[in-house]
Amino acid sequence: MEFDFLSPLDSETVATIKNLTSQHLGSKVVLHTDEDFPDLNKIKIAIFGVKENRGAHLEHENTKLSHIRKEFYSLFPGNWEASIADLGNILPGNSVEDTYFAVKTTVAFLLKNKIIPIIIGGSQDLTYPIYRGFDQLEQMVNLVAIDSKFDFGKAEKLTSNSYLTKIIVEEPNNLFNFSNVGYQTYYNSQEEIDLTEKLFFDAYRLGEVSSNISIAEPVFRDADIVSLDLTSVKSCDSGNFVTFTPNGFNGKEICSLARYAGISDKVSVFGIFNHNNSKQEAVLIAQILWYFIEGYHYRSNEYPFGTRDHYTKYIVPLDEEELVFYKSNKTERWWIEIPFLSNVNNKLKRNTLLPCTHEDYLGACSAEIPERWWKAQRKNVV
């Protein structure tokens, strides 16, 4: 692939990073500069920005990413081994579609080379070309959005409020599941909430997750793409007083969710969108990025299973079903088995094990069928 889409970091940002000490994160990252492009042969994580805001009806000149990089690279890394590259930015094309093509092509190349892209955007409609970047892999895709809204807007034009509709209706349809983490009911019409139920998607209200954040962990464990809308964080924690958000996740919670995304063996792309361009919000974004990469370094390579020798199997007989659970002897995480149906497209075979919680197992022991298991079953049937 030619990397014509990617412009190097500006000289001021590069100078700032190079002036940091050898202990700072900036010294551990290979940068795309005017003189050099990173050798990707040994890279595991690639960061790039997309300076495209037209999907949110904003001018692209308003997209500033240098604040984020300066904050992020001035942090100290954990005990990290994976090599990280910053590939620079995708600049806005003549049309939004040109930008989408550049994002799709870049993501597809990185995925094929087993490199995890971290995208700092722009508007959240960029989730759509990220999703299309999976087309050549010929696999079903699970998408998780950390968002106060479902973004089921009218599909006449792709925007940050309608990207999910576009993903659902457009062929080829490789979306197996969508999960929303943190929606706020008053921002979503009843029709959108009903559609989520009708399509057997998963949705977790802000209050649910805030009161027990661990319920979100299995959702990320089953995700391929994680798309984070920064307006899901309340303004007093994000510093975003342009789009004022009185309620939302706090700083600690959003970093915990980012860590869940990073620690998932299955998450292949992580994107952060709808930044309000302030230096205040850039501090939070830097820490979100840090926690995702920290989580990545604690991946246990448990999913999908190569062998089930290191798992304890639990069978829960119910009146009409027999539920089969697996508990990892290594991490004590839980999965539930989805019986594979022979009439279903072969691309779904890898979804026969569904991440779950210990509480799901305890509920099954009390004759309560886990809701995510039931929805996954319905997807296989219809």
Protein backbone atom coordinates (compact mmCIF):
# COMPACT_ATOMS: atom_id res chain seq x y z
CA MET A 1 0.00 0.00 0.00
CA GLU A 2 1.11 3.52 -0.78
CA PHE A 3 0.66 5.81 2.20
CA ASP A 4 -0.28 8.88 0.20
CA PHE A 5 -3.40 9.27 2.35
CA LEU A 6 -1.36 9.97 5.48
CA SER A 7 0.26 13.34 6.09
CA PRO A 8 3.18 13.55 8.54
CA LEU A 9 2.95 15.13 11.97
CA ASP A 10 3.51 18.87 11.94
CA SER A 11 7.01 20.05 12.82
CA GLU A 12 5.91 21.75 16.05
CA THR A 13 4.35 18.54 17.42
CA VAL A 14 7.42 16.51 16.41
CA ALA A 15 9.72 19.03 18.12
CA THR A 16 7.62 18.91 21.29
CA ILE A 17 7.75 15.11 21.37
CA LYS A 18 11.50 14.99 20.72
CA ASN A 19 12.13 17.40 23.59
CA LEU A 20 10.62 14.94 26.07
CA THR A 21 12.83 12.68 28.16
CA SER A 22 13.63 9.10 27.23
CA GLN A 23 11.23 7.93 29.94
CA HIS A 24 8.20 9.59 28.33
CA LEU A 25 5.89 7.71 26.01
CA GLY A 26 6.87 9.93 23.07
CA SER A 27 10.34 8.39 22.95
CA LYS A 28 8.84 4.88 22.66
CA VAL A 29 6.75 5.63 19.56
CA VAL A 30 7.90 5.66 15.92
CA LEU A 31 6.64 8.84 14.24
CA HIS A 32 5.65 9.71 10.68
CA THR A 33 7.68 12.86 10.03
CA ASP A 34 8.59 14.86 6.93
CA GLU A 35 11.79 12.81 6.69
CA ASP A 36 10.59 9.31 7.54
CA PHE A 37 7.65 6.89 7.54
CA PRO A 38 7.57 4.12 10.18
CA ASP A 39 8.61 0.60 9.22
CA LEU A 40 5.43 -1.35 10.01
CA ASN A 41 6.96 -4.82 9.99
CA LYS A 42 7.26 -4.98 13.77
CA ILE A 43 4.46 -2.59 14.70
CA LYS A 44 1.53 -3.90 16.77
CA ILE A 45 -0.45 -0.68 17.31
CA ALA A 46 -0.79 2.18 14.82
CA ILE A 47 -2.30 5.54 15.76
CA PHE A 48 -3.59 7.92 13.11
CA GLY A 49 -5.82 10.96 13.08
CA VAL A 50 -8.63 11.82 10.68
CA LYS A 51 -9.24 15.54 10.28
CA GLU A 52 -12.79 15.18 9.00
CA ASN A 53 -15.78 16.83 10.68
CA ARG A 54 -18.20 17.34 7.80
CA GLY A 55 -20.33 14.42 9.01
CA ALA A 56 -21.14 16.54 12.04
CA HIS A 57 -21.84 19.56 9.80
CA LEU A 58 -18.61 21.24 10.93
CA GLU A 59 -15.71 22.58 8.90
CA HIS A 60 -12.64 20.32 8.90
CA GLU A 61 -10.44 23.27 9.86
CA ASN A 62 -11.95 22.90 13.33
CA THR A 63 -10.33 19.48 13.77
CA LYS A 64 -7.21 19.89 15.89
CA LEU A 65 -5.36 16.77 16.97
CA SER A 66 -2.00 18.21 18.03
CA HIS A 67 -3.28 18.92 21.57
CA ILE A 68 -4.09 15.22 22.00
CA ARG A 69 -0.69 14.05 20.82
CA LYS A 70 1.20 16.49 23.03
CA GLU A 71 -0.75 15.33 26.09
CA PHE A 72 -0.53 11.64 25.22
CA TYR A 73 3.18 11.52 24.44
CA SER A 74 4.03 13.43 27.62
CA LEU A 75 2.61 10.57 29.71
CA PHE A 76 4.81 7.75 31.01
CA PRO A 77 4.19 4.28 29.59
CA GLY A 78 3.45 1.22 31.63
CA ASN A 79 5.51 -1.94 31.31
CA TRP A 80 4.70 -2.06 27.62
CA GLU A 81 6.38 -4.28 25.05
CA ALA A 82 4.30 -3.73 21.91
CA SER A 83 5.78 -1.39 19.35
CA ILE A 84 3.64 1.65 18.56
CA ALA A 85 3.68 3.92 15.51
CA ASP A 86 2.00 7.26 14.88
CA LEU A 87 1.16 7.37 11.18
CA GLY A 88 0.12 11.02 11.11
CA ASN A 89 -3.23 12.24 9.77
CA ILE A 90 -5.67 11.56 6.98
CA LEU A 91 -6.57 14.99 5.65
CA PRO A 92 -10.06 15.78 4.35
CA GLY A 93 -10.63 14.75 0.75
CA ASN A 94 -12.39 16.84 -1.87
CA SER A 95 -15.54 15.08 -0.72
CA VAL A 96 -16.42 13.25 2.47
CA GLU A 97 -16.54 10.06 0.40
CA ASP A 98 -12.87 10.55 -0.49
CA THR A 99 -12.03 10.67 3.22
CA TYR A 100 -14.10 7.55 3.85
CA PHE A 101 -12.19 5.72 1.12
CA ALA A 102 -8.86 6.71 2.67
CA VAL A 103 -9.98 5.54 6.14
CA LYS A 104 -11.37 2.25 4.80
CA THR A 105 -8.20 1.51 2.81
CA THR A 106 -5.87 2.35 5.69
CA VAL A 107 -7.85 0.29 8.22
CA ALA A 108 -8.07 -2.69 5.83
CA PHE A 109 -4.30 -2.64 5.26
CA LEU A 110 -3.51 -2.50 8.98
CA LEU A 111 -5.98 -5.27 9.82
CA LYS A 112 -4.52 -7.55 7.13
CA ASN A 113 -1.10 -6.99 8.67
CA LYS A 114 -2.41 -7.74 12.18
CA ILE A 115 -1.85 -4.17 13.37
CA ILE A 116 -4.45 -2.59 15.64
CA PRO A 117 -5.51 0.85 14.38
CA ILE A 118 -6.33 3.54 16.95
CA ILE A 119 -8.19 6.37 15.23
CA ILE A 120 -8.56 9.83 16.69
CA GLY A 121 -11.25 11.71 14.78
CA GLY A 122 -13.25 13.81 13.56
CA SER A 123 -16.91 13.01 13.69
CA GLN A 124 -18.34 9.62 14.56
CA ASP A 125 -19.59 8.84 11.05
CA LEU A 126 -16.00 7.69 10.48
CA THR A 127 -17.13 4.49 12.20
CA TYR A 128 -18.78 3.56 8.90
CA PRO A 129 -15.59 3.39 6.75
CA ILE A 130 -13.84 1.64 9.65
CA TYR A 131 -16.55 -1.03 9.51
CA ARG A 132 -16.18 -1.28 5.72
CA GLY A 133 -12.46 -1.87 6.27
CA PHE A 134 -13.40 -5.38 7.44
CA ASP A 135 -15.08 -6.29 4.12
CA GLN A 136 -12.09 -8.12 2.66
CA LEU A 137 -11.62 -10.21 5.80
CA GLU A 138 -14.89 -12.03 5.08
CA GLN A 139 -16.01 -12.19 8.68
CA MET A 140 -18.99 -11.01 10.65
CA VAL A 141 -18.33 -7.88 12.69
CA ASN A 142 -19.41 -6.91 16.20
CA LEU A 143 -19.56 -3.17 16.83
CA VAL A 144 -19.67 -1.54 20.27
CA ALA A 145 -20.43 2.17 20.65
CA ILE A 146 -19.84 4.05 23.89
CA ASP A 147 -22.47 6.67 23.25
CA SER A 148 -25.41 8.46 24.82
CA LYS A 149 -27.35 8.04 21.54
CA PHE A 150 -28.05 5.14 19.16
CA ASP A 151 -27.45 7.22 15.99
CA PHE A 152 -30.30 5.66 14.01
CA GLY A 153 -30.80 8.80 11.92
CA LYS A 154 -32.35 8.96 8.48
CA ALA A 155 -30.06 7.33 5.96
CA GLU A 156 -30.42 9.80 3.06
CA LYS A 157 -27.04 11.25 3.98
CA LEU A 158 -24.38 9.69 6.14
CA THR A 159 -23.76 11.80 9.26
CA SER A 160 -22.49 11.29 12.78
CA ASN A 161 -26.14 10.80 13.82
CA SER A 162 -27.05 8.24 11.13
CA TYR A 163 -23.95 6.10 10.55
CA LEU A 164 -25.49 3.09 12.28
CA THR A 165 -28.48 3.09 9.92
CA LYS A 166 -26.07 3.06 6.98
CA ILE A 167 -24.17 0.11 8.47
CA ILE A 168 -27.38 -1.86 9.01
CA VAL A 169 -29.01 -1.35 5.61
CA GLU A 170 -26.06 -1.38 3.21
CA GLU A 171 -24.79 -4.49 1.45
CA PRO A 172 -22.63 -6.40 2.04
CA ASN A 173 -24.08 -6.65 5.52
CA ASN A 174 -21.36 -8.07 7.73
CA LEU A 175 -22.72 -6.72 11.02
CA PHE A 176 -23.52 -9.57 13.39
CA ASN A 177 -24.15 -7.53 16.53
CA PHE A 178 -24.27 -3.96 17.74
CA SER A 179 -23.99 -3.02 21.41
CA ASN A 180 -24.50 0.40 22.90
CA VAL A 181 -22.88 1.16 26.24
CA GLY A 182 -24.15 4.21 28.11
CA TYR A 183 -27.25 5.39 26.27
CA GLN A 184 -29.41 8.03 27.93
CA THR A 185 -33.11 7.42 27.33
CA TYR A 186 -34.14 11.05 26.85
CA TYR A 187 -31.74 11.39 23.91
CA ASN A 188 -33.34 8.47 22.04
CA SER A 189 -36.83 8.17 20.59
CA GLN A 190 -39.02 5.24 21.56
CA GLU A 191 -38.85 4.07 17.93
CA GLU A 192 -35.05 3.82 18.19
CA ILE A 193 -35.27 1.89 21.45
CA ASP A 194 -37.86 -0.46 19.93
CA LEU A 195 -35.69 -0.98 16.83
CA THR A 196 -32.77 -1.95 19.04
CA GLU A 197 -34.95 -4.64 20.63
CA LYS A 198 -36.36 -5.79 17.28
CA LEU A 199 -32.86 -6.31 15.85
CA PHE A 200 -31.76 -8.14 19.03
CA PHE A 201 -29.02 -5.61 19.66
CA ASP A 202 -27.63 -5.03 23.16
CA ALA A 203 -28.09 -1.72 24.93
CA TYR A 204 -26.98 -0.69 28.41
CA ARG A 205 -28.25 2.47 30.04
CA LEU A 206 -25.79 4.89 31.58
CA GLY A 207 -27.13 4.22 35.08
CA GLU A 208 -26.79 0.44 34.65
CA VAL A 209 -23.14 0.66 33.66
CA SER A 210 -22.22 3.35 36.18
CA SER A 211 -23.67 1.33 39.07
CA ASN A 212 -21.87 -1.87 37.99
CA ILE A 213 -19.25 -1.16 35.34
CA SER A 214 -18.12 -4.80 35.20
CA ILE A 215 -21.30 -5.73 33.27
CA ALA A 216 -19.72 -4.02 30.25
CA GLU A 217 -16.60 -6.21 30.20
CA PRO A 218 -18.15 -9.18 28.29
CA VAL A 219 -19.59 -6.75 25.74
CA PHE A 220 -16.09 -5.54 24.83
CA ARG A 221 -14.73 -9.07 24.95
CA ASP A 222 -16.97 -9.89 21.98
CA ALA A 223 -16.28 -6.67 19.99
CA ASP A 224 -14.28 -6.16 16.81
CA ILE A 225 -14.73 -2.37 16.65
CA VAL A 226 -15.11 0.03 19.57
CA SER A 227 -16.34 3.53 18.69
CA LEU A 228 -16.23 6.08 21.50
CA ASP A 229 -18.30 9.27 21.29
CA LEU A 230 -16.72 11.78 23.65
CA THR A 231 -20.09 13.40 24.34
CA SER A 232 -20.86 10.26 26.37
CA VAL A 233 -18.62 11.81 29.07
CA LYS A 234 -20.12 14.50 31.27
CA SER A 235 -18.73 17.97 30.69
CA CYS A 236 -17.40 18.49 34.20
CA ASP A 237 -15.02 15.56 33.57
CA SER A 238 -14.27 16.05 29.87
CA GLY A 239 -13.90 19.82 29.80
CA ASN A 240 -16.29 19.95 26.84
CA PHE A 241 -18.44 23.02 27.45
CA VAL A 242 -19.08 23.57 23.74
CA THR A 243 -21.45 20.60 23.62
CA PHE A 244 -22.58 20.76 27.23
CA THR A 245 -23.35 17.34 28.72
CA PRO A 246 -24.60 17.44 32.32
CA ASN A 247 -24.81 13.64 32.61
CA GLY A 248 -22.53 10.93 31.32
CA PHE A 249 -19.60 8.77 32.30
CA ASN A 250 -17.00 10.27 34.59
CA GLY A 251 -13.29 10.22 33.79
CA LYS A 252 -12.57 7.08 35.78
CA GLU A 253 -15.45 5.16 34.19
CA ILE A 254 -14.55 6.05 30.60
CA CYS A 255 -10.94 4.99 31.22
CA SER A 256 -12.17 1.71 32.71
CA LEU A 257 -14.24 1.07 29.57
CA ALA A 258 -11.21 1.86 27.40
CA ARG A 259 -9.20 -0.67 29.39
CA TYR A 260 -11.92 -3.29 28.89
CA ALA A 261 -11.68 -2.61 25.16
CA GLY A 262 -7.90 -2.95 25.22
CA ILE A 263 -7.84 -6.14 27.25
CA SER A 264 -10.30 -7.85 24.88
CA ASP A 265 -8.52 -10.40 22.72
CA LYS A 266 -10.95 -9.66 19.90
CA VAL A 267 -11.01 -5.84 19.62
CA SER A 268 -9.21 -4.95 16.38
CA VAL A 269 -10.00 -1.22 16.04
CA PHE A 270 -10.48 1.53 18.61
CA GLY A 271 -11.78 4.95 17.60
CA ILE A 272 -12.34 8.16 19.57
CA PHE A 273 -14.63 10.73 17.97
CA ASN A 274 -16.38 14.09 18.42
CA HIS A 275 -13.49 15.82 20.16
CA ASN A 276 -14.34 19.47 20.80
CA ASN A 277 -10.74 20.57 20.06
CA SER A 278 -10.05 21.96 23.52
CA LYS A 279 -6.83 21.40 25.43
CA GLN A 280 -8.93 20.38 28.43
CA GLU A 281 -10.61 17.50 26.63
CA ALA A 282 -7.28 16.47 25.09
CA VAL A 283 -6.02 15.58 28.58
CA LEU A 284 -8.85 13.09 29.02
CA ILE A 285 -8.40 11.63 25.52
CA ALA A 286 -4.71 11.06 26.24
CA GLN A 287 -5.60 9.07 29.34
CA ILE A 288 -8.28 7.09 27.46
CA LEU A 289 -5.63 6.12 24.87
CA TRP A 290 -3.21 5.21 27.66
CA TYR A 291 -5.73 2.87 29.30
CA PHE A 292 -6.60 1.16 26.01
CA ILE A 293 -2.94 0.40 25.33
CA GLU A 294 -2.42 -0.64 28.96
CA GLY A 295 -5.31 -3.09 28.56
CA TYR A 296 -3.81 -4.41 25.32
CA HIS A 297 -0.67 -5.42 27.18
CA TYR A 298 -2.72 -7.59 29.54
CA ARG A 299 -4.45 -9.59 26.81
CA SER A 300 -4.61 -13.26 27.74
CA ASN A 301 -5.21 -14.72 24.26
CA GLU A 302 -8.20 -16.71 25.45
CA TYR A 303 -10.65 -15.96 22.65
CA PRO A 304 -11.46 -17.65 20.40
CA PHE A 305 -10.50 -20.89 22.11
CA GLY A 306 -7.75 -22.97 20.59
CA THR A 307 -8.40 -25.63 23.21
CA ARG A 308 -10.76 -25.88 26.16
CA ASP A 309 -8.33 -27.80 28.36
CA HIS A 310 -7.79 -24.84 30.66
CA TYR A 311 -11.46 -24.14 31.29
CA THR A 312 -13.95 -25.58 33.72
CA LYS A 313 -17.22 -26.61 32.10
CA TYR A 314 -20.53 -26.07 33.90
CA ILE A 315 -23.83 -27.49 32.66
CA VAL A 316 -27.05 -25.91 33.89
CA PRO A 317 -30.17 -27.95 33.03
CA LEU A 318 -33.37 -25.93 32.59
CA ASP A 319 -36.88 -26.99 31.63
CA GLU A 320 -36.43 -26.57 27.88
CA GLU A 321 -32.73 -25.79 27.54
CA GLU A 322 -29.37 -26.99 28.73
CA LEU A 323 -27.00 -24.07 29.20
CA VAL A 324 -23.27 -24.75 28.98
CA PHE A 325 -20.84 -22.34 30.64
CA TYR A 326 -17.05 -22.23 30.57
CA LYS A 327 -14.88 -20.56 33.21
CA SER A 328 -11.25 -19.76 32.47
CA ASN A 329 -8.86 -21.22 35.02
CA LYS A 330 -6.43 -18.44 34.06
CA THR A 331 -8.53 -15.26 34.32
CA GLU A 332 -11.78 -16.55 35.87
CA ARG A 333 -13.74 -14.99 33.00
CA TRP A 334 -16.92 -16.71 31.83
CA TRP A 335 -18.41 -17.76 28.48
CA ILE A 336 -21.72 -19.35 27.54
CA GLU A 337 -22.14 -21.70 24.60
CA ILE A 338 -24.49 -20.83 21.73
CA PRO A 339 -25.53 -24.05 19.95
CA PHE A 340 -24.35 -23.84 16.35
CA LEU A 341 -27.11 -24.14 13.76
CA SER A 342 -26.14 -25.91 10.55
CA ASN A 343 -28.40 -23.74 8.38
CA VAL A 344 -26.60 -20.55 9.38
CA ASN A 345 -23.91 -18.89 7.27
CA ASN A 346 -20.50 -20.37 8.08
CA LYS A 347 -19.18 -16.93 8.99
CA LEU A 348 -21.15 -17.21 12.26
CA LYS A 349 -19.35 -20.31 13.53
CA ARG A 350 -16.94 -18.31 15.64
CA ASN A 351 -19.87 -16.81 17.56
CA THR A 352 -20.76 -20.11 19.21
CA LEU A 353 -19.08 -18.95 22.44
CA LEU A 354 -20.51 -15.81 23.94
CA PRO A 355 -18.70 -13.88 26.69
CA CYS A 356 -20.78 -13.51 29.84
CA THR A 357 -20.45 -12.76 33.56
CA HIS A 358 -20.40 -14.88 36.67
CA GLU A 359 -23.76 -13.29 37.49
CA ASP A 360 -25.17 -14.77 34.26
CA TYR A 361 -24.16 -18.22 35.47
CA LEU A 362 -25.68 -17.63 38.90
CA GLY A 363 -28.87 -16.38 37.25
CA ALA A 364 -29.04 -19.49 35.08
CA CYS A 365 -28.75 -21.61 38.22
CA SER A 366 -31.94 -19.82 39.35
CA ALA A 367 -33.64 -20.60 36.01
CA GLU A 368 -32.99 -17.14 34.50
CA ILE A 369 -31.82 -17.31 30.89
CA PRO A 370 -29.21 -14.58 30.16
CA GLU A 371 -30.64 -11.92 27.87
CA ARG A 372 -27.55 -11.76 25.63
CA TRP A 373 -27.73 -15.55 25.15
CA TRP A 374 -31.39 -15.30 24.14
CA LYS A 375 -30.68 -12.48 21.66
CA ALA A 376 -27.75 -14.36 20.13
CA GLN A 377 -29.99 -17.40 19.73
CA ARG A 378 -32.63 -15.31 17.98
CA LYS A 379 -30.00 -13.95 15.55
CA ASN A 380 -29.12 -17.52 14.60
CA VAL A 381 -32.75 -18.47 14.06
CA VAL A 382 -34.10 -15.53 12.06
